């Protein structure tokens, strides 16, 4: 069984003033909150166990999403007194996740990426100790991040993620992580993910893929309004 975690503890500073009274992942686009698009997509892929970390306006988030049953999943909540950054949030929530690989995704992106495509990669992680321990879904560099993050290069087991001068692509805030990487880290402590990613990339433990479909990192009120208008103008019956 593979579990998933949605990262939803941040304050959403660039989304203010909207995020002052509403947790950013609860802001609506189309017909549902941002985080609900993720929950529905995970359920569609057959993933039923989902952990969500919360901090800013945590009670509002928990009241809105509840146990996840309305979305076809079972949600377990990881409360943070103050946001613990990405790695700190994952490490703190690991007791809520099954052993082995887990899909980890930000609660404030919107995408049509099919999470079912990650299940064979998770199976390979479980079956083969030589397989990558992290798999990142990358996207084309958005206008606000033209230099990108990492390179994708061919390897003996598919594409590998490496650092360098490029051409780079951008981490799409979707990945599979072997939770064993986080279980020895301290809980309840602020920890950034990037230093760990760089360590794992340097050790050759990170694979990746490029997703060319719709993807949006919803950062500002303007981003939210544009995405909402685009989703509401789609013909009925479109996927997701």
Protein backbone atom coordinates (compact mmCIF):
# COMPACT_ATOMS: atom_id res chain seq x y z
CA UNK A 1 0.00 0.00 0.00
CA UNK A 2 1.25 3.46 -0.87
CA UNK A 3 0.23 6.51 1.07
CA UNK A 4 0.36 10.18 0.22
CA UNK A 5 1.03 13.45 2.00
CA UNK A 6 -0.25 16.88 1.05
CA UNK A 7 1.84 19.79 2.28
CA UNK A 8 -0.57 22.45 3.55
CA UNK A 9 1.00 24.15 6.58
CA UNK A 10 2.41 27.30 4.98
CA UNK A 11 1.01 30.77 5.58
CA UNK A 12 0.78 31.71 1.89
CA UNK A 13 2.38 35.14 2.31
CA UNK A 14 2.19 36.02 -1.40
CA UNK A 15 -1.51 35.19 -1.40
CA UNK A 16 -2.34 37.81 1.22
CA UNK A 17 -4.80 39.29 2.03
CA UNK A 18 -6.86 36.26 0.91
CA UNK A 19 -4.78 33.87 3.01
CA UNK A 20 -5.17 36.00 6.15
CA UNK A 21 -8.63 34.58 6.74
CA UNK A 22 -8.59 31.41 4.63
CA UNK A 23 -5.83 28.78 4.48
CA UNK A 24 -4.30 29.01 1.02
CA UNK A 25 -5.13 25.39 0.08
CA UNK A 26 -8.81 26.13 0.81
CA UNK A 27 -9.02 28.97 -1.70
CA UNK A 28 -11.36 27.92 -4.47
CA UNK A 29 -10.67 27.48 -8.16
CA UNK A 30 -13.32 26.11 -10.43
CA UNK A 31 -15.84 24.34 -8.25
CA UNK A 32 -13.68 23.31 -5.30
CA UNK A 33 -10.78 24.28 -3.01
CA UNK A 34 -7.24 23.87 -4.36
CA UNK A 35 -6.50 21.01 -1.98
CA UNK A 36 -9.67 19.18 -3.01
CA UNK A 37 -8.36 18.85 -6.57
CA UNK A 38 -5.41 16.94 -5.10
CA UNK A 39 -7.56 14.72 -2.91
CA UNK A 40 -9.83 13.80 -5.82
CA UNK A 41 -6.84 13.05 -8.07
CA UNK A 42 -5.21 10.85 -5.42
CA UNK A 43 -8.44 8.93 -4.89
CA UNK A 44 -8.81 8.47 -8.65
CA UNK A 45 -5.36 6.84 -8.67
CA UNK A 46 -6.47 4.38 -5.99
CA UNK A 47 -4.65 6.07 -3.11
CA UNK A 48 -6.75 6.02 0.02
CA UNK A 49 -4.44 6.99 2.91
CA UNK A 50 -3.52 10.68 2.97
CA UNK A 51 -1.68 12.69 5.63
CA UNK A 52 -2.00 16.48 5.61
CA UNK A 53 0.12 18.82 7.70
CA UNK A 54 -1.51 22.01 8.93
CA UNK A 55 -0.48 25.05 10.93
CA UNK A 56 -1.88 28.41 9.77
CA UNK A 57 -5.65 28.40 10.43
CA UNK A 58 -5.43 24.67 11.09
CA UNK A 59 -8.88 24.34 12.65
CA UNK A 60 -10.48 25.89 9.59
CA UNK A 61 -8.71 23.40 7.32
CA UNK A 62 -9.64 20.39 9.44
CA UNK A 63 -13.26 21.49 9.70
CA UNK A 64 -13.51 21.90 5.92
CA UNK A 65 -11.85 18.64 4.83
CA UNK A 66 -12.70 16.47 7.83
CA UNK A 67 -11.80 12.81 7.53
CA UNK A 68 -11.58 13.02 3.72
CA UNK A 69 -14.52 10.70 3.15
CA UNK A 70 -16.24 13.20 0.86
CA UNK A 71 -13.24 12.89 -1.48
CA UNK A 72 -12.81 9.12 -1.35
CA UNK A 73 -9.78 9.07 0.96
CA UNK A 74 -8.98 8.78 4.65
CA UNK A 75 -7.21 11.89 5.93
CA UNK A 76 -4.99 11.95 8.99
CA UNK A 77 -3.82 15.31 10.28
CA UNK A 78 -0.36 16.43 11.39
CA UNK A 79 -0.59 19.67 13.39
CA UNK A 80 2.36 22.04 13.55
CA UNK A 81 2.41 24.84 16.12
CA UNK A 82 4.45 26.83 13.59
CA UNK A 83 5.17 25.80 9.99
CA UNK A 84 8.13 23.41 9.99
CA UNK A 85 9.23 23.87 6.34
CA UNK A 86 8.89 20.98 3.89
CA UNK A 87 11.34 18.43 5.29
CA UNK A 88 10.38 19.22 8.88
CA UNK A 89 6.72 18.76 8.06
CA UNK A 90 7.33 15.44 6.32
CA UNK A 91 9.57 14.13 9.13
CA UNK A 92 6.97 15.09 11.73
CA UNK A 93 4.17 13.37 9.80
CA UNK A 94 6.01 10.10 9.06
CA UNK A 95 4.17 8.17 11.83
CA UNK A 96 0.98 8.81 9.83
CA UNK A 97 2.43 7.33 6.61
CA UNK A 98 2.90 3.68 5.67
CA UNK A 99 6.44 2.35 5.53
CA UNK A 100 8.14 2.69 2.16
CA UNK A 101 7.48 5.17 -0.65
CA UNK A 102 4.85 7.89 -0.40
CA UNK A 103 3.57 10.44 -2.89
CA UNK A 104 4.19 13.93 -1.54
CA UNK A 105 2.58 16.94 -3.18
CA UNK A 106 1.99 20.58 -2.36
CA UNK A 107 -1.58 21.53 -1.52
CA UNK A 108 -1.46 24.78 -3.51
CA UNK A 109 -0.71 23.51 -7.01
CA UNK A 110 -3.24 22.64 -9.70
CA UNK A 111 -2.46 20.03 -12.34
CA UNK A 112 -3.95 17.25 -14.44
CA UNK A 113 -1.00 14.97 -13.62
CA UNK A 114 -2.16 11.36 -13.18
CA UNK A 115 -0.84 10.05 -9.86
CA UNK A 116 -1.45 6.49 -11.02
CA UNK A 117 1.61 6.94 -13.26
CA UNK A 118 3.75 7.02 -10.11
CA UNK A 119 2.58 3.68 -8.73
CA UNK A 120 4.97 1.51 -10.80
CA UNK A 121 7.85 3.71 -9.68
CA UNK A 122 6.82 3.21 -6.07
CA UNK A 123 6.67 -0.55 -6.67
CA UNK A 124 10.21 -0.47 -8.06
CA UNK A 125 11.43 1.43 -4.99
CA UNK A 126 10.00 -1.26 -2.75
CA UNK A 127 11.33 -4.16 -4.82
CA UNK A 128 14.84 -2.99 -5.68
CA UNK A 129 17.27 -1.53 -3.18
CA UNK A 130 19.33 -0.15 -6.08
CA UNK A 131 16.41 1.93 -7.39
CA UNK A 132 16.23 5.67 -6.74
CA UNK A 133 14.87 6.61 -3.32
CA UNK A 134 13.29 9.82 -4.61
CA UNK A 135 11.46 10.48 -7.88
CA UNK A 136 10.61 14.06 -8.86
CA UNK A 137 8.01 15.26 -11.36
CA UNK A 138 9.48 18.20 -13.22
CA UNK A 139 7.77 20.83 -15.39
CA UNK A 140 8.90 23.41 -17.93
CA UNK A 141 10.26 26.54 -16.30
CA UNK A 142 7.46 29.00 -15.54
CA UNK A 143 7.97 32.69 -16.27
CA UNK A 144 8.65 33.48 -12.60
CA UNK A 145 11.40 30.82 -12.39
CA UNK A 146 13.24 30.95 -15.74
CA UNK A 147 16.47 29.30 -14.52
CA UNK A 148 14.70 26.19 -13.27
CA UNK A 149 15.98 23.86 -10.56
CA UNK A 150 17.65 20.70 -11.86
CA UNK A 151 18.64 18.85 -15.01
CA UNK A 152 17.14 15.58 -16.24
CA UNK A 153 19.79 13.32 -17.76
CA UNK A 154 19.60 9.78 -19.17
CA UNK A 155 20.63 7.00 -16.82
CA UNK A 156 20.70 3.19 -16.82
CA UNK A 157 17.31 3.04 -15.08
CA UNK A 158 15.60 6.02 -16.73
CA UNK A 159 16.14 9.72 -16.23
CA UNK A 160 18.22 10.96 -13.32
CA UNK A 161 18.06 14.34 -11.63
CA UNK A 162 21.34 16.24 -11.50
CA UNK A 163 22.50 19.73 -10.64
CA UNK A 164 24.29 21.91 -13.17
CA UNK A 165 24.03 24.87 -15.48
CA UNK A 166 21.28 23.35 -17.53
CA UNK A 167 19.21 23.15 -19.48
CA UNK A 168 17.25 22.96 -16.25
CA UNK A 169 13.60 22.27 -15.54
CA UNK A 170 11.52 23.10 -12.47
CA UNK A 171 10.47 20.80 -9.66
CA UNK A 172 6.68 20.59 -9.91
CA UNK A 173 6.14 19.95 -6.17
CA UNK A 174 5.09 16.37 -6.88
CA UNK A 175 7.31 13.45 -5.98
CA UNK A 176 7.71 10.00 -4.51
CA UNK A 177 9.94 9.78 -1.46
CA UNK A 178 11.05 6.72 0.46
CA UNK A 179 9.80 7.70 3.91
CA UNK A 180 12.82 5.95 5.44
CA UNK A 181 14.78 9.05 4.39
CA UNK A 182 12.78 11.10 6.90
CA UNK A 183 12.17 8.67 9.75
CA UNK A 184 15.54 9.33 11.38
CA UNK A 185 15.15 13.11 11.21
CA UNK A 186 13.99 15.03 14.29
CA UNK A 187 10.27 15.70 14.58
CA UNK A 188 8.82 19.08 15.39
CA UNK A 189 11.90 20.88 14.04
CA UNK A 190 12.07 23.29 11.09
CA UNK A 191 13.98 21.62 8.25
CA UNK A 192 14.26 22.70 4.63
CA UNK A 193 14.03 20.10 1.86
CA UNK A 194 16.54 21.57 -0.60
CA UNK A 195 19.74 20.68 1.34
CA UNK A 196 18.52 17.10 1.64
CA UNK A 197 17.58 16.94 -2.04
CA UNK A 198 21.02 18.18 -3.03
CA UNK A 199 22.60 15.50 -0.85
CA UNK A 200 20.44 12.75 -2.35
CA UNK A 201 21.01 14.03 -5.90
CA UNK A 202 24.75 14.04 -5.30
CA UNK A 203 24.53 10.43 -4.15
CA UNK A 204 22.69 9.43 -7.35
CA UNK A 205 19.51 8.53 -5.49
CA UNK A 206 17.02 10.79 -7.34
CA UNK A 207 15.22 9.99 -10.59
CA UNK A 208 12.78 12.21 -12.42
CA UNK A 209 10.42 12.76 -15.31
CA UNK A 210 9.13 15.76 -17.26
CA UNK A 211 5.40 16.43 -17.21
CA UNK A 212 4.28 18.51 -20.18
CA UNK A 213 0.61 18.81 -19.27
CA UNK A 214 -1.29 21.52 -17.40
CA UNK A 215 0.38 22.58 -14.15
CA UNK A 216 0.02 25.75 -12.12
CA UNK A 217 1.75 26.89 -8.94
CA UNK A 218 -0.93 29.19 -7.58
CA UNK A 219 1.08 31.84 -5.75
CA UNK A 220 -0.80 35.15 -5.83
CA UNK A 221 -4.40 36.44 -5.95
CA UNK A 222 -3.85 37.16 -9.63
CA UNK A 223 -2.77 33.56 -10.27
CA UNK A 224 -5.85 32.34 -8.41
CA UNK A 225 -8.21 34.54 -10.39
CA UNK A 226 -6.71 33.53 -13.74
CA UNK A 227 -6.88 29.81 -12.95
CA UNK A 228 -10.41 30.11 -11.61
CA UNK A 229 -11.56 31.85 -14.78
CA UNK A 230 -9.85 29.24 -16.97
CA UNK A 231 -11.43 26.32 -15.11
CA UNK A 232 -14.90 27.86 -15.12
CA UNK A 233 -14.70 28.42 -18.87
CA UNK A 234 -13.89 24.77 -19.67
CA UNK A 235 -16.54 22.67 -21.38
CA UNK A 236 -18.43 20.45 -18.96
CA UNK A 237 -17.09 16.90 -18.90
CA UNK A 238 -13.42 17.85 -19.08
CA UNK A 239 -11.23 15.59 -16.91
CA UNK A 240 -10.75 16.68 -13.30
